[in-house]
C-alpha atoms as a PDB file:
ATOM      1  CA  UNK A   1     110.125  65.480  65.568  1.00  0.00           C
ATOM      2  CA  UNK A   2     112.576  68.225  65.601  1.00  0.00           C
ATOM      3  CA  UNK A   3     111.192  71.597  65.794  1.00  0.00           C
ATOM      4  CA  UNK A   4     113.314  74.258  64.021  1.00  0.00           C
ATOM      5  CA  UNK A   5     114.005  77.374  66.234  1.00  0.00           C
ATOM      6  CA  UNK A   6     113.511  79.816  63.095  1.00  0.00           C
ATOM      7  CA  UNK A   7     109.884  78.584  63.347  1.00  0.00           C
ATOM      8  CA  UNK A   8     109.672  79.048  66.861  1.00  0.00           C
ATOM      9  CA  UNK A   9     111.037  82.484  66.603  1.00  0.00           C
ATOM     10  CA  UNK A  10     108.672  83.306  63.342  1.00  0.00           C
ATOM     11  CA  UNK A  11     105.747  82.407  65.788  1.00  0.00           C
ATOM     12  CA  UNK A  12     106.526  84.323  68.455  1.00  0.00           C
ATOM     13  CA  UNK A  13     107.395  87.289  66.324  1.00  0.00           C
ATOM     14  CA  UNK A  14     103.796  86.651  64.870  1.00  0.00           C
ATOM     15  CA  UNK A  15     102.352  86.454  68.366  1.00  0.00           C
ATOM     16  CA  UNK A  16     104.269  89.806  69.274  1.00  0.00           C
ATOM     17  CA  UNK A  17     102.912  91.468  66.364  1.00  0.00           C
ATOM     18  CA  UNK A  18      99.165  90.362  66.661  1.00  0.00           C
ATOM     19  CA  UNK A  19      99.297  91.564  70.135  1.00  0.00           C
ATOM     20  CA  UNK A  20     100.670  95.279  69.283  1.00  0.00           C
ATOM     21  CA  UNK A  21      98.558  95.676  66.159  1.00  0.00           C
ATOM     22  CA  UNK A  22      95.425  94.763  68.252  1.00  0.00           C
ATOM     23  CA  UNK A  23      96.415  97.021  70.901  1.00  0.00           C
ATOM     24  CA  UNK A  24      96.889  99.985  68.917  1.00  0.00           C
ATOM     25  CA  UNK A  25      93.702  99.163  67.173  1.00  0.00           C
ATOM     26  CA  UNK A  26      92.230  99.409  70.436  1.00  0.00           C
ATOM     27  CA  UNK A  27      93.845 102.598  71.644  1.00  0.00           C
ATOM     28  CA  UNK A  28      93.185 104.466  68.353  1.00  0.00           C
ATOM     29  CA  UNK A  29      89.250 103.386  69.155  1.00  0.00           C
ATOM     30  CA  UNK A  30      89.466 104.729  72.735  1.00  0.00           C
ATOM     31  CA  UNK A  31      91.053 107.947  71.666  1.00  0.00           C
ATOM     32  CA  UNK A  32      88.571 108.142  68.889  1.00  0.00           C
ATOM     33  CA  UNK A  33      85.766 107.451  71.455  1.00  0.00           C
ATOM     34  CA  UNK A  34      87.163 110.193  74.080  1.00  0.00           C
ATOM     35  CA  UNK A  35      87.726 112.773  71.223  1.00  0.00           C
ATOM     36  CA  UNK A  36      83.820 112.305  70.098  1.00  0.00           C
ATOM     37  CA  UNK A  37      82.543 112.285  73.668  1.00  0.00           C
ATOM     38  CA  UNK A  38      84.408 115.614  74.272  1.00  0.00           C
ATOM     39  CA  UNK A  39      83.480 117.170  70.829  1.00  0.00           C
ATOM     40  CA  UNK A  40      79.452 116.337  71.768  1.00  0.00           C
ATOM     41  CA  UNK A  41      79.760 117.993  75.375  1.00  0.00           C
ATOM     42  CA  UNK A  42      81.716 121.013  73.648  1.00  0.00           C
ATOM     43  CA  UNK A  43      78.701 121.330  71.287  1.00  0.00           C
ATOM     44  CA  UNK A  44      76.061 121.115  74.190  1.00  0.00           C
ATOM     45  CA  UNK A  45      77.631 123.902  76.282  1.00  0.00           C
ATOM     46  CA  UNK A  46      78.129 126.037  73.402  1.00  0.00           C
ATOM     47  CA  UNK A  47      74.669 125.594  72.316  1.00  0.00           C
ATOM     48  CA  UNK A  48      73.118 126.282  75.695  1.00  0.00           C
ATOM     49  CA  UNK A  49      75.395 129.503  75.986  1.00  0.00           C
ATOM     50  CA  UNK A  50      73.807 131.103  73.044  1.00  0.00           C
ATOM     51  CA  UNK A  51      71.070 133.153  73.444  1.00  0.00           C
ATOM     52  CA  UNK A  52      68.104 131.972  72.146  1.00  0.00           C
ATOM     53  CA  UNK A  53      66.345 133.665  68.883  1.00  0.00           C
ATOM     54  CA  UNK A  54      62.436 134.127  68.803  1.00  0.00           C
END
């Protein structure tokens, strides 16, 4: 059976797009996690720096 070069190129493009989209989702997830951790740390330091009310 003779394989079509068009199908080979199409399969390669599909795999490349899958890798790019998966990498992008991973990057956005990591960035969100890092930002959330930074905001939580900022809240904790701000809260501990405020004088306590009685």
